[in-house]
Amino acid sequence: MTESVSVSVNDWDDLSESGDARVMRGRLNWTDVLFFLLLSCGAAYALMNFSASMDYYEQTILCLAVPVLTWMGWLWRPLRNLMLICAASAGFAIWLYQGDIARAEQVFFLKYLFSSQSSILWMCALFVLATVCYWIGMVSSTAAWLGTALTWGAVFAGTQGLLVRWREGHLMGSDIGHIPVSNLYEVFVLFSLITALFYLYYERRYATRALGGFVMLVITSSVIFLLWYSFTRDAFQIQPLVPALKSWWMKIHVPANFIGYGTFSLAAMVGFAYLIKQHGQTKSWLKLAPLFVLGVLLAGEPMVFRTQGLSATWMLYFGIGALIVGAILLFRRPIAARLPSLEVLDDIMYRAIAIGFAFFTVATILGALWAADAWGAYWQWDPKETWALIVWLNYAAWLHLRLMKGLRGTMAAYWALVGLLVTGFAFLGVNMFLSGLHSYGTL
């Protein structure tokens, strides 16, 4: 008889900080088989009705997605539930459209809830509320629980929004529809979702919500950029793909890349939490100065988004960010008391970087293959390619020193934070300041 272990709500806070709070997955059961069959039916329906719009490679990706998603759903049950709910919600929204994109402004549920733009705005609002609740959760377990619920709600809204946006593009025209990972607006949504999902996985695995406030800071930053970019550049408008992006390579290269970006960002914020935990009893502000400087630099990095002179939006962002960093350092003692042990924080940081490095490596290889297909050369030392290599070397060195030299503690945490600065420049800075083959991604 198959044995299973469950963790009740009351047991959540009783689990050891250093323990692994995973719920044992057990063996495959009838729900996994049913989920596999549902995915298979969906893939078969897509192949029968839309195969003319897909080439051989895209059909292969679709078929391979079935066992991969089934495995992911078994690996982490909440993810399977999310996929089912998002599929049902997106299906309902597509049905409401009735093949007419104009209904987005005519139908109440589309206009305020289920259209892509409405869903993504809900995602932004829920992420910000989740951030507030997680920080209030430092003194109230109820607020922390609400932070988790709001984060799941934001992930649902954002995922549903991307799925509907995919269909909206096709409703606008056969030459416009494409997978929604082609511009900064879409990939910032993707980045927020990936980072939040990885955090939620680790939150459940280690039975701690104390990290939520830290990780949500970087997600809220991406939300602020997303809103600024949407309303100053009309970035939410669905546009046809530029020729360089009309490739099936984009469907696998971009998601793999942003799993790397998301997990690197998560690792950086866990590194920040590690340093707060480590210096919880420190009375000397001189010892905290490097951490404060790094935090202020991360808060000030988005100020480069200006177009002419200094942007009032990003000056305000910088000021609030610096105040938040200062407040966290000021209240480091009670915050440190709520955080998991240093061993747990170090383990999460390592796992996040290891996963991110693996996917970033795959993404870099896929990018080289895509470049060979599009431009006839695997590597041309384009600025984006060069900085991708710098990011890869940075985390390769981090992992090498950890595995071969036992890199741990303070140095590893500071390195993870610096890595976020490097990754941020590779992600956005290159597009803004260095022209090249990837100049279609400029601000």
Foldseek 3Di string as FASTA:
>chain_A
DWDWDDADPVCLVVDALPDWQDTDLIDDDPVLVVQLVVLVVVLVVCCVPPVVVDDPVVNVVSVVVSVVVSVVCSVPVVVSVLVVVLVVLLVVLVVQCVLPLVCCCVDPCNVQPQALVNLQVLLLVLLVQLLVLLVVCLVPVVSLVSSLVSLSSSLSSLSSSQSNVQVSLVSVHVQQHDRQLQALLSVLSVLLNLLSVLVSVLCSGSSASLLVNLSSVVNNVSSLVNVVCCVVVVVVDRGGHDVLPPDPLCVQLRSLLSLLLSLLSSLLSLLLLLVLLVCLPPPDCVVVVVVLVLQLCVQQVCQVVDDPDTDPSSVVSSVVSSVVSVVCNVNSNSSSVRRRDSSSSFVSSVVSLVSSLVSLVVSLQSCLVSCCVRPVGSDDVAVLNVLSVVLNVLSVVLVCCCVPVVDGGNVSNVSSSVSNVSVVCSVAVCCDPPDDPPVVHHD
